[in-house]
């Protein structure tokens, strides 16, 4: 009987601990505004157990560039595991439907038939998705990539991860003209290609009450760009 009581008490204690951790995670603000000049990049100490690796290259159908996904694996004493996978693995990305996904530190590009390999950016970022606009390319003979990523340690916890604000970027298939589309300190909600108009639409949310959270009290912002423009100019619009 005592053992049953002990196990019941242990189960309740573990449940309370789990709820407490979840609440602490939920209560953690996504943006901390004090001294925003220091939020431009993460400043965490170098983890010597992490090793930067590249997956085997990917080429999008109809393009002339190899894309090398760059990520991090961590030593666990027996082998390695990727930052996005609990199992031992040397894989840091996934590919399907013209989209690369993962938690990637960078992408590197190589024109097929040439030896030189160069990085998308020299800034600290964390790429979640890189999407090739295949239908747009087939129609207009312009090959573009659209990215969702974190580029700023907005919650100032000393690291760049998926707890920071997600932003929208675009580049050519070669990684050139890497351009931020979403406004600073606005969280990307979603984006959509309107093929018939050659327009890229996206929504963000602005923390208008400056409480560090994105909630119902904040305002949605609506944007679009004409992908055929020489310079990608972001335009706002008000559907509501």
Protein backbone atom coordinates (compact mmCIF):
# COMPACT_ATOMS: atom_id res chain seq x y z
CA UNK A 1 0.00 0.00 0.00
CA UNK A 2 2.83 2.34 0.88
CA UNK A 3 4.46 1.60 -2.46
CA UNK A 4 1.22 2.47 -4.30
CA UNK A 5 0.94 5.73 -2.37
CA UNK A 6 4.57 6.54 -3.18
CA UNK A 7 4.07 5.85 -6.88
CA UNK A 8 0.91 7.98 -6.90
CA UNK A 9 2.75 10.82 -5.20
CA UNK A 10 5.64 10.51 -7.67
CA UNK A 11 3.27 10.58 -10.65
CA UNK A 12 1.54 13.71 -9.34
CA UNK A 13 4.90 15.40 -8.68
CA UNK A 14 6.15 14.63 -12.18
CA UNK A 15 2.91 15.90 -13.71
CA UNK A 16 3.18 19.16 -11.75
CA UNK A 17 6.80 19.56 -12.84
CA UNK A 18 5.84 19.01 -16.49
CA UNK A 19 3.02 21.57 -16.30
CA UNK A 20 5.33 24.04 -14.56
CA UNK A 21 7.99 23.66 -17.28
CA UNK A 22 5.39 24.07 -20.01
CA UNK A 23 3.99 27.18 -18.33
CA UNK A 24 7.46 28.66 -17.97
CA UNK A 25 8.11 27.97 -21.66
CA UNK A 26 4.77 29.54 -22.66
CA UNK A 27 5.34 32.58 -20.42
CA UNK A 28 8.76 33.23 -21.93
CA UNK A 29 8.45 36.37 -24.08
CA UNK A 30 9.37 36.06 -27.73
CA UNK A 31 10.75 39.61 -27.82
CA UNK A 32 12.67 41.54 -25.16
CA UNK A 33 12.98 45.18 -26.12
CA UNK A 34 15.60 46.50 -23.69
CA UNK A 35 18.85 47.40 -25.44
CA UNK A 36 17.67 46.06 -28.81
CA UNK A 37 21.09 46.77 -30.33
CA UNK A 38 22.33 43.57 -28.69
CA UNK A 39 19.57 41.48 -30.26
CA UNK A 40 21.11 41.60 -33.71
CA UNK A 41 22.83 38.27 -33.22
CA UNK A 42 23.14 35.44 -30.74
CA UNK A 43 26.06 35.59 -28.31
CA UNK A 44 26.06 32.12 -26.80
CA UNK A 45 29.40 30.52 -25.85
CA UNK A 46 30.88 28.17 -28.44
CA UNK A 47 29.77 24.57 -27.79
CA UNK A 48 32.83 22.45 -28.53
CA UNK A 49 30.67 19.29 -28.69
CA UNK A 50 28.89 20.62 -31.79
CA UNK A 51 30.29 19.97 -35.22
CA UNK A 52 29.23 21.75 -38.39
CA UNK A 53 28.39 19.34 -41.22
CA UNK A 54 26.94 19.50 -44.73
CA UNK A 55 24.36 17.14 -46.12
CA UNK A 56 24.91 15.79 -49.61
CA UNK A 57 23.99 18.44 -52.18
CA UNK A 58 20.52 19.01 -53.58
CA UNK A 59 19.64 20.29 -57.03
CA UNK A 60 16.19 21.60 -57.90
CA UNK A 61 14.73 20.29 -61.16
CA UNK A 62 15.66 22.48 -64.12
CA UNK A 63 18.32 24.49 -62.26
CA UNK A 64 22.10 24.63 -62.66
CA UNK A 65 23.12 24.91 -59.00
CA UNK A 66 23.92 22.47 -56.22
CA UNK A 67 22.65 23.48 -52.77
CA UNK A 68 24.59 22.21 -49.75
CA UNK A 69 22.54 22.31 -46.49
CA UNK A 70 24.77 23.24 -43.53
CA UNK A 71 23.78 22.25 -39.99
CA UNK A 72 25.16 21.12 -36.65
CA UNK A 73 25.44 17.70 -35.02
CA UNK A 74 26.22 17.15 -31.34
CA UNK A 75 28.41 14.50 -29.77
CA UNK A 76 26.61 12.28 -27.24
CA UNK A 77 29.44 9.98 -26.17
CA UNK A 78 28.52 7.16 -28.52
CA UNK A 79 27.96 8.97 -31.77
CA UNK A 80 26.31 12.10 -32.99
CA UNK A 81 22.82 13.48 -33.26
CA UNK A 82 21.49 16.42 -35.25
CA UNK A 83 20.06 19.44 -33.43
CA UNK A 84 16.59 18.55 -34.76
CA UNK A 85 16.65 14.79 -34.20
CA UNK A 86 16.79 12.71 -31.01
CA UNK A 87 18.28 9.71 -32.84
CA UNK A 88 21.92 9.37 -33.77
CA UNK A 89 22.28 10.84 -37.23
CA UNK A 90 24.57 12.76 -39.54
CA UNK A 91 21.56 14.21 -41.42
CA UNK A 92 20.63 17.84 -40.77
CA UNK A 93 17.96 18.47 -43.43
CA UNK A 94 15.07 16.94 -45.33
CA UNK A 95 14.03 17.51 -48.93
CA UNK A 96 10.71 17.07 -50.68
CA UNK A 97 8.32 18.94 -52.99
CA UNK A 98 10.97 21.53 -53.92
CA UNK A 99 11.52 22.45 -50.29
CA UNK A 100 14.48 21.99 -47.94
CA UNK A 101 13.57 21.83 -44.25
CA UNK A 102 15.53 21.59 -41.02
CA UNK A 103 17.29 23.83 -38.52
CA UNK A 104 20.13 24.95 -40.76
CA UNK A 105 22.94 27.38 -40.04
CA UNK A 106 23.38 28.21 -43.71
CA UNK A 107 23.10 27.03 -47.29
CA UNK A 108 26.05 26.91 -49.64
CA UNK A 109 25.79 27.12 -53.41
CA UNK A 110 27.85 25.68 -56.24
CA UNK A 111 27.26 26.16 -59.93
CA UNK A 112 27.32 22.78 -61.63
CA UNK A 113 30.62 22.28 -63.44
CA UNK A 114 32.51 24.73 -61.22
CA UNK A 115 34.60 24.12 -58.10
CA UNK A 116 33.82 27.24 -56.06
CA UNK A 117 31.31 26.94 -53.20
CA UNK A 118 29.98 30.02 -51.42
CA UNK A 119 27.59 30.72 -48.54
CA UNK A 120 24.15 32.27 -48.72
CA UNK A 121 25.15 34.78 -46.02
CA UNK A 122 27.90 35.49 -43.52
CA UNK A 123 25.34 36.45 -40.86
CA UNK A 124 24.15 34.18 -38.08
CA UNK A 125 20.78 32.69 -39.10
CA UNK A 126 18.67 29.60 -38.50
CA UNK A 127 16.86 28.43 -41.65
CA UNK A 128 13.67 26.38 -41.20
CA UNK A 129 12.54 26.18 -44.83
CA UNK A 130 13.93 27.04 -48.26
CA UNK A 131 11.31 26.70 -50.99
CA UNK A 132 11.95 26.72 -54.73
CA UNK A 133 9.17 28.51 -56.64
CA UNK A 134 9.04 25.86 -59.36
CA UNK A 135 5.79 26.88 -61.07
CA UNK A 136 6.87 30.52 -61.15
CA UNK A 137 10.21 29.50 -62.66
CA UNK A 138 8.55 27.37 -65.35
CA UNK A 139 6.31 30.26 -66.33
CA UNK A 140 8.71 33.21 -66.13
CA UNK A 141 12.18 31.66 -66.51
CA UNK A 142 13.22 33.23 -63.20
CA UNK A 143 14.42 30.85 -60.50
CA UNK A 144 13.82 31.99 -56.93
CA UNK A 145 14.06 30.60 -53.40
CA UNK A 146 11.88 31.76 -50.49
CA UNK A 147 13.10 31.23 -46.92
CA UNK A 148 11.60 31.20 -43.45
CA UNK A 149 14.28 31.73 -40.82
CA UNK A 150 15.36 33.38 -37.59
CA UNK A 151 17.97 36.11 -37.96
CA UNK A 152 17.93 37.75 -34.53
CA UNK A 153 18.09 36.61 -30.89
CA UNK A 154 14.85 38.44 -30.12
CA UNK A 155 14.24 36.85 -26.71
CA UNK A 156 17.86 37.46 -25.67
CA UNK A 157 18.53 34.01 -24.27
CA UNK A 158 21.96 33.97 -25.92
CA UNK A 159 21.07 31.58 -28.73
CA UNK A 160 19.31 31.57 -32.07
CA UNK A 161 16.53 28.98 -32.20
CA UNK A 162 12.87 28.49 -33.10
CA UNK A 163 11.83 30.49 -30.02
CA UNK A 164 12.98 33.65 -31.80
CA UNK A 165 10.97 35.64 -34.35
CA UNK A 166 10.59 33.97 -37.76
CA UNK A 167 11.25 36.17 -40.81
CA UNK A 168 10.71 35.88 -44.57
CA UNK A 169 13.58 36.17 -47.08
CA UNK A 170 14.03 35.65 -50.82
CA UNK A 171 16.98 35.05 -53.18
CA UNK A 172 17.77 33.81 -56.65
CA UNK A 173 18.44 30.08 -57.09
CA UNK A 174 22.17 30.88 -56.90
CA UNK A 175 21.76 32.43 -53.43
CA UNK A 176 22.35 35.93 -54.80
CA UNK A 177 20.19 38.96 -53.90
CA UNK A 178 19.44 37.47 -50.46
CA UNK A 179 16.80 39.95 -49.27
CA UNK A 180 14.67 40.28 -46.14
CA UNK A 181 10.98 40.88 -46.90
CA UNK A 182 9.24 40.91 -43.52
CA UNK A 183 9.57 44.01 -41.30
CA UNK A 184 11.93 43.97 -38.31
CA UNK A 185 10.47 42.52 -35.09
CA UNK A 186 7.33 41.27 -36.82
CA UNK A 187 6.58 37.55 -36.68
CA UNK A 188 5.89 35.83 -40.00
CA UNK A 189 2.55 34.02 -39.99
CA UNK A 190 2.40 32.59 -43.52
CA UNK A 191 3.08 33.31 -47.18
CA UNK A 192 1.52 32.36 -50.50
CA UNK A 193 2.42 32.57 -54.18
CA UNK A 194 -0.36 33.82 -56.49
CA UNK A 195 0.89 32.33 -59.74
CA UNK A 196 -1.53 34.10 -62.09
CA UNK A 197 -0.36 37.52 -60.85
CA UNK A 198 3.32 36.66 -60.16
CA UNK A 199 2.76 38.01 -56.66
CA UNK A 200 4.06 36.77 -53.33
CA UNK A 201 1.70 37.59 -50.46
CA UNK A 202 2.52 37.23 -46.78
CA UNK A 203 1.19 38.12 -43.34
CA UNK A 204 3.04 39.19 -40.22
CA UNK A 205 1.96 40.14 -36.73
CA UNK A 206 3.26 43.24 -34.96
CA UNK A 207 3.60 43.38 -31.19
CA UNK A 208 1.73 46.67 -30.97
CA UNK A 209 1.36 46.65 -27.18
CA UNK A 210 5.06 45.81 -26.73
CA UNK A 211 4.47 43.06 -24.17
CA UNK A 212 6.90 40.70 -25.89
CA UNK A 213 4.16 38.31 -27.01
CA UNK A 214 2.16 37.93 -30.20
CA UNK A 215 -1.49 37.62 -29.26
CA UNK A 216 -5.02 38.73 -30.07
CA UNK A 217 -4.31 42.25 -28.86
CA UNK A 218 -1.70 42.77 -31.56
CA UNK A 219 -2.32 43.76 -35.18
CA UNK A 220 -1.91 41.71 -38.35
CA UNK A 221 0.00 43.30 -41.21
CA UNK A 222 -0.53 42.32 -44.86
CA UNK A 223 2.15 42.59 -47.55
CA UNK A 224 2.90 41.63 -51.16
CA UNK A 225 5.72 41.88 -53.68
CA UNK A 226 5.76 41.62 -57.46
CA UNK A 227 8.28 38.88 -58.19
CA UNK A 228 8.93 40.25 -61.67
CA UNK A 229 10.19 43.58 -60.35
CA UNK A 230 13.93 44.12 -60.70
CA UNK A 231 14.05 45.25 -57.07
CA UNK A 232 11.70 43.40 -54.72
CA UNK A 233 9.69 46.20 -53.14
CA UNK A 234 7.41 45.22 -50.26
CA UNK A 235 3.96 46.82 -50.44
CA UNK A 236 1.36 46.90 -47.69
CA UNK A 237 -2.37 46.47 -48.18
CA UNK A 238 -5.46 46.43 -45.93
CA UNK A 239 -8.01 43.70 -46.73
CA UNK A 240 -9.79 44.32 -43.39
